[in-house]
Amino acid sequence: MVKEYDPEMIDVIFSGFPLSGFAEDSIVEVEYESDRFQIVAGVDGDVSRSRIVARIAKVTVHLMNTSRSNADLTLVMALGSPGSGTADVAPLLIRDRNGASLMATDTCWIHKEPNVSHGAKAGPRDWVFMAVKPTFVEAGV
């Protein structure tokens, strides 16, 4: 059986903005900040696990410096100025239409703006987000 992957079937939508103009080798990465459970082992060998309720994921979106989405993200980030409360907190959806994989949350913000460098050719802009209690389904292609 042959399966096909098409990077144009990856959707990343933040605060209603469909992001586009992704970097050369990567679109997006999702990494949980903690394990799903905390383990405690007693001296007699009994083991307990406690579910970690406050699940947070670090999401890195890799754009090209030429991407119009950089301006959209800068606009949303500016909503988070001092005294604005949570105006910059918005939904994030990452969907792989090649199959059925997705990550979604209603509570996400830009945690770190990209480092900026200029050189002989277009380069990446890596935006870091924090996603609170994301729903995650990895279903493959």
C-alpha atoms as a PDB file:
ATOM      1  CA  MET A   1       0.000   0.000   0.000  1.00  0.00           C
ATOM      2  CA  VAL A   2       1.285   3.449  -0.941  1.00  0.00           C
ATOM      3  CA  LYS A   3       0.365   6.544   1.038  1.00  0.00           C
ATOM      4  CA  GLU A   4       0.949  10.123   0.056  1.00  0.00           C
ATOM      5  CA  TYR A   5       1.780  13.203   2.116  1.00  0.00           C
ATOM      6  CA  ASP A   6       1.131  16.703   0.804  1.00  0.00           C
ATOM      7  CA  PRO A   7       2.455  19.628   2.914  1.00  0.00           C
ATOM      8  CA  GLU A   8      -0.191  21.898   1.357  1.00  0.00           C
ATOM      9  CA  MET A   9      -2.779  19.858   3.283  1.00  0.00           C
ATOM     10  CA  ILE A  10      -1.484  21.182   6.641  1.00  0.00           C
ATOM     11  CA  ASP A  11      -3.608  24.006   8.060  1.00  0.00           C
ATOM     12  CA  VAL A  12      -2.407  26.282  10.850  1.00  0.00           C
ATOM     13  CA  ILE A  13      -5.007  28.844  11.929  1.00  0.00           C
ATOM     14  CA  PHE A  14      -4.430  31.284  14.802  1.00  0.00           C
ATOM     15  CA  SER A  15      -6.896  33.943  15.919  1.00  0.00           C
ATOM     16  CA  GLY A  16      -8.849  33.434  12.697  1.00  0.00           C
ATOM     17  CA  PHE A  17      -5.781  33.980  10.486  1.00  0.00           C
ATOM     18  CA  PRO A  18      -4.872  31.028   8.216  1.00  0.00           C
ATOM     19  CA  LEU A  19      -1.062  31.050   8.306  1.00  0.00           C
ATOM     20  CA  SER A  20       0.922  30.564   5.096  1.00  0.00           C
ATOM     21  CA  GLY A  21       4.401  31.065   3.702  1.00  0.00           C
ATOM     22  CA  PHE A  22       6.054  28.329   5.729  1.00  0.00           C
ATOM     23  CA  ALA A  23       9.795  27.797   6.028  1.00  0.00           C
ATOM     24  CA  GLU A  24      11.846  25.504   3.829  1.00  0.00           C
ATOM     25  CA  ASP A  25      11.998  22.341   5.947  1.00  0.00           C
ATOM     26  CA  SER A  26       9.325  22.569   8.629  1.00  0.00           C
ATOM     27  CA  ILE A  27       5.810  23.899   9.099  1.00  0.00           C
ATOM     28  CA  VAL A  28       4.964  23.408  12.758  1.00  0.00           C
ATOM     29  CA  GLU A  29       6.117  21.531  15.872  1.00  0.00           C
ATOM     30  CA  VAL A  30       4.055  20.671  18.966  1.00  0.00           C
ATOM     31  CA  GLU A  31       5.820  19.689  22.188  1.00  0.00           C
ATOM     32  CA  TYR A  32       4.143  19.190  25.547  1.00  0.00           C
ATOM     33  CA  GLU A  33       5.793  20.996  28.432  1.00  0.00           C
ATOM     34  CA  SER A  34       5.114  18.135  30.867  1.00  0.00           C
ATOM     35  CA  ASP A  35       4.339  14.449  30.970  1.00  0.00           C
ATOM     36  CA  ARG A  36       0.714  13.256  31.159  1.00  0.00           C
ATOM     37  CA  PHE A  37       1.239  11.776  34.618  1.00  0.00           C
ATOM     38  CA  GLN A  38       3.393  12.360  37.674  1.00  0.00           C
ATOM     39  CA  ILE A  39       4.741   9.095  39.098  1.00  0.00           C
ATOM     40  CA  VAL A  40       5.403   8.421  42.792  1.00  0.00           C
ATOM     41  CA  ALA A  41       7.008   5.156  43.871  1.00  0.00           C
ATOM     42  CA  GLY A  42       6.924   4.103  47.517  1.00  0.00           C
ATOM     43  CA  VAL A  43       9.825   2.410  49.239  1.00  0.00           C
ATOM     44  CA  ASP A  44       7.825  -0.840  49.232  1.00  0.00           C
ATOM     45  CA  GLY A  45       7.429  -0.748  45.444  1.00  0.00           C
ATOM     46  CA  ASP A  46       3.860   0.517  45.245  1.00  0.00           C
ATOM     47  CA  VAL A  47       3.454   2.994  42.415  1.00  0.00           C
ATOM     48  CA  SER A  48       0.901   5.747  42.069  1.00  0.00           C
ATOM     49  CA  ARG A  49       0.309   8.039  39.185  1.00  0.00           C
ATOM     50  CA  SER A  50      -1.392  11.418  39.262  1.00  0.00           C
ATOM     51  CA  ARG A  51      -2.808  12.906  36.102  1.00  0.00           C
ATOM     52  CA  ILE A  52      -1.377  16.342  35.332  1.00  0.00           C
ATOM     53  CA  VAL A  53      -4.435  18.478  34.718  1.00  0.00           C
ATOM     54  CA  ALA A  54      -2.754  21.690  33.518  1.00  0.00           C
ATOM     55  CA  ARG A  55      -1.509  20.431  30.147  1.00  0.00           C
ATOM     56  CA  ILE A  56       0.439  23.047  28.211  1.00  0.00           C
ATOM     57  CA  ALA A  57       2.031  22.607  24.798  1.00  0.00           C
ATOM     58  CA  LYS A  58       4.740  24.689  23.182  1.00  0.00           C
ATOM     59  CA  VAL A  59       3.927  25.187  19.502  1.00  0.00           C
ATOM     60  CA  THR A  60       6.550  26.507  17.102  1.00  0.00           C
ATOM     61  CA  VAL A  61       5.381  27.728  13.705  1.00  0.00           C
ATOM     62  CA  HIS A  62       8.126  28.114  11.096  1.00  0.00           C
ATOM     63  CA  LEU A  63       7.452  30.887   8.565  1.00  0.00           C
ATOM     64  CA  MET A  64       9.635  32.456   5.898  1.00  0.00           C
ATOM     65  CA  ASN A  65      10.617  36.078   6.485  1.00  0.00           C
ATOM     66  CA  THR A  66       8.665  36.884   3.303  1.00  0.00           C
ATOM     67  CA  SER A  67       5.395  35.465   4.671  1.00  0.00           C
ATOM     68  CA  ARG A  68       2.438  37.857   5.028  1.00  0.00           C
ATOM     69  CA  SER A  69       1.484  35.836   8.123  1.00  0.00           C
ATOM     70  CA  ASN A  70       4.337  37.543  10.022  1.00  0.00           C
ATOM     71  CA  ALA A  71       2.336  40.790   9.854  1.00  0.00           C
ATOM     72  CA  ASP A  72      -0.842  39.027  11.024  1.00  0.00           C
ATOM     73  CA  LEU A  73       0.960  37.502  14.014  1.00  0.00           C
ATOM     74  CA  THR A  74       2.612  40.825  14.858  1.00  0.00           C
ATOM     75  CA  LEU A  75      -0.843  42.401  14.912  1.00  0.00           C
ATOM     76  CA  VAL A  76      -2.241  39.763  17.286  1.00  0.00           C
ATOM     77  CA  MET A  77       0.863  39.978  19.493  1.00  0.00           C
ATOM     78  CA  ALA A  78       0.409  43.766  19.781  1.00  0.00           C
ATOM     79  CA  LEU A  79      -3.017  43.158  21.353  1.00  0.00           C
ATOM     80  CA  GLY A  80      -1.159  41.803  24.390  1.00  0.00           C
ATOM     81  CA  SER A  81       0.292  45.151  25.416  1.00  0.00           C
ATOM     82  CA  PRO A  82       0.475  45.970  29.153  1.00  0.00           C
ATOM     83  CA  GLY A  83      -2.976  46.561  30.607  1.00  0.00           C
ATOM     84  CA  SER A  84      -4.782  44.750  27.782  1.00  0.00           C
ATOM     85  CA  GLY A  85      -5.589  41.657  29.825  1.00  0.00           C
ATOM     86  CA  THR A  86      -5.970  38.636  27.588  1.00  0.00           C
ATOM     87  CA  ALA A  87      -6.789  40.401  24.308  1.00  0.00           C
ATOM     88  CA  ASP A  88      -4.013  38.439  22.585  1.00  0.00           C
ATOM     89  CA  VAL A  89      -5.298  35.009  23.712  1.00  0.00           C
ATOM     90  CA  ALA A  90      -6.989  33.232  20.813  1.00  0.00           C
ATOM     91  CA  PRO A  91      -7.868  29.817  19.355  1.00  0.00           C
ATOM     92  CA  LEU A  92      -5.257  27.747  17.527  1.00  0.00           C
ATOM     93  CA  LEU A  93      -6.001  24.915  15.123  1.00  0.00           C
ATOM     94  CA  ILE A  94      -3.441  22.664  13.455  1.00  0.00           C
ATOM     95  CA  ARG A  95      -5.080  20.223  11.071  1.00  0.00           C
ATOM     96  CA  ASP A  96      -3.533  17.608   8.789  1.00  0.00           C
ATOM     97  CA  ARG A  97      -6.014  17.042   5.969  1.00  0.00           C
ATOM     98  CA  ASN A  98      -3.821  14.205   4.647  1.00  0.00           C
ATOM     99  CA  GLY A  99      -5.477  12.092   7.336  1.00  0.00           C
ATOM    100  CA  ALA A 100      -7.303  12.899  10.551  1.00  0.00           C
ATOM    101  CA  SER A 101      -4.620  14.422  12.811  1.00  0.00           C
ATOM    102  CA  LEU A 102      -5.307  17.681  14.626  1.00  0.00           C
ATOM    103  CA  MET A 103      -4.414  19.848  17.598  1.00  0.00           C
ATOM    104  CA  ALA A 104      -6.871  22.475  18.791  1.00  0.00           C
ATOM    105  CA  THR A 105      -7.234  24.836  21.725  1.00  0.00           C
ATOM    106  CA  ASP A 106      -9.289  27.900  22.564  1.00  0.00           C
ATOM    107  CA  THR A 107      -6.523  29.274  24.798  1.00  0.00           C
ATOM    108  CA  CYS A 108      -3.276  30.141  23.028  1.00  0.00           C
ATOM    109  CA  TRP A 109      -0.951  33.124  22.791  1.00  0.00           C
ATOM    110  CA  ILE A 110       2.315  34.130  21.187  1.00  0.00           C
ATOM    111  CA  HIS A 111       4.913  33.370  23.823  1.00  0.00           C
ATOM    112  CA  LYS A 112       8.006  34.509  21.933  1.00  0.00           C
ATOM    113  CA  GLU A 113       8.404  36.492  18.767  1.00  0.00           C
ATOM    114  CA  PRO A 114      10.923  35.232  16.219  1.00  0.00           C
ATOM    115  CA  ASN A 115      14.598  36.013  16.143  1.00  0.00           C
ATOM    116  CA  VAL A 116      15.381  38.146  13.112  1.00  0.00           C
ATOM    117  CA  SER A 117      18.347  37.779  10.808  1.00  0.00           C
ATOM    118  CA  HIS A 118      18.944  38.954   7.254  1.00  0.00           C
ATOM    119  CA  GLY A 119      21.316  37.377   4.768  1.00  0.00           C
ATOM    120  CA  ALA A 120      21.853  36.508   1.115  1.00  0.00           C
ATOM    121  CA  LYS A 121      18.542  34.615   0.832  1.00  0.00           C
ATOM    122  CA  ALA A 122      15.149  34.439   2.501  1.00  0.00           C
ATOM    123  CA  GLY A 123      15.260  32.875   5.940  1.00  0.00           C
ATOM    124  CA  PRO A 124      12.959  31.531   8.646  1.00  0.00           C
ATOM    125  CA  ARG A 125      10.920  33.301  11.319  1.00  0.00           C
ATOM    126  CA  ASP A 126      10.068  30.909  14.167  1.00  0.00           C
ATOM    127  CA  TRP A 127       7.049  31.971  16.245  1.00  0.00           C
ATOM    128  CA  VAL A 128       6.581  30.255  19.627  1.00  0.00           C
ATOM    129  CA  PHE A 129       3.085  29.852  21.069  1.00  0.00           C
ATOM    130  CA  MET A 130       1.794  28.426  24.349  1.00  0.00           C
ATOM    131  CA  ALA A 131      -1.368  26.325  24.047  1.00  0.00           C
ATOM    132  CA  VAL A 132      -3.383  25.482  27.174  1.00  0.00           C
ATOM    133  CA  LYS A 133      -5.177  22.120  27.418  1.00  0.00           C
ATOM    134  CA  PRO A 134      -5.048  21.352  23.716  1.00  0.00           C
ATOM    135  CA  THR A 135      -7.115  18.575  22.207  1.00  0.00           C
ATOM    136  CA  PHE A 136      -4.687  16.336  20.358  1.00  0.00           C
ATOM    137  CA  VAL A 137      -5.447  13.536  17.907  1.00  0.00           C
ATOM    138  CA  GLU A 138      -2.605  11.838  16.026  1.00  0.00           C
ATOM    139  CA  ALA A 139      -4.238   9.634  13.420  1.00  0.00           C
ATOM    140  CA  GLY A 140      -1.586   9.496  10.706  1.00  0.00           C
ATOM    141  CA  VAL A 141      -2.233   9.583   6.984  1.00  0.00           C
END
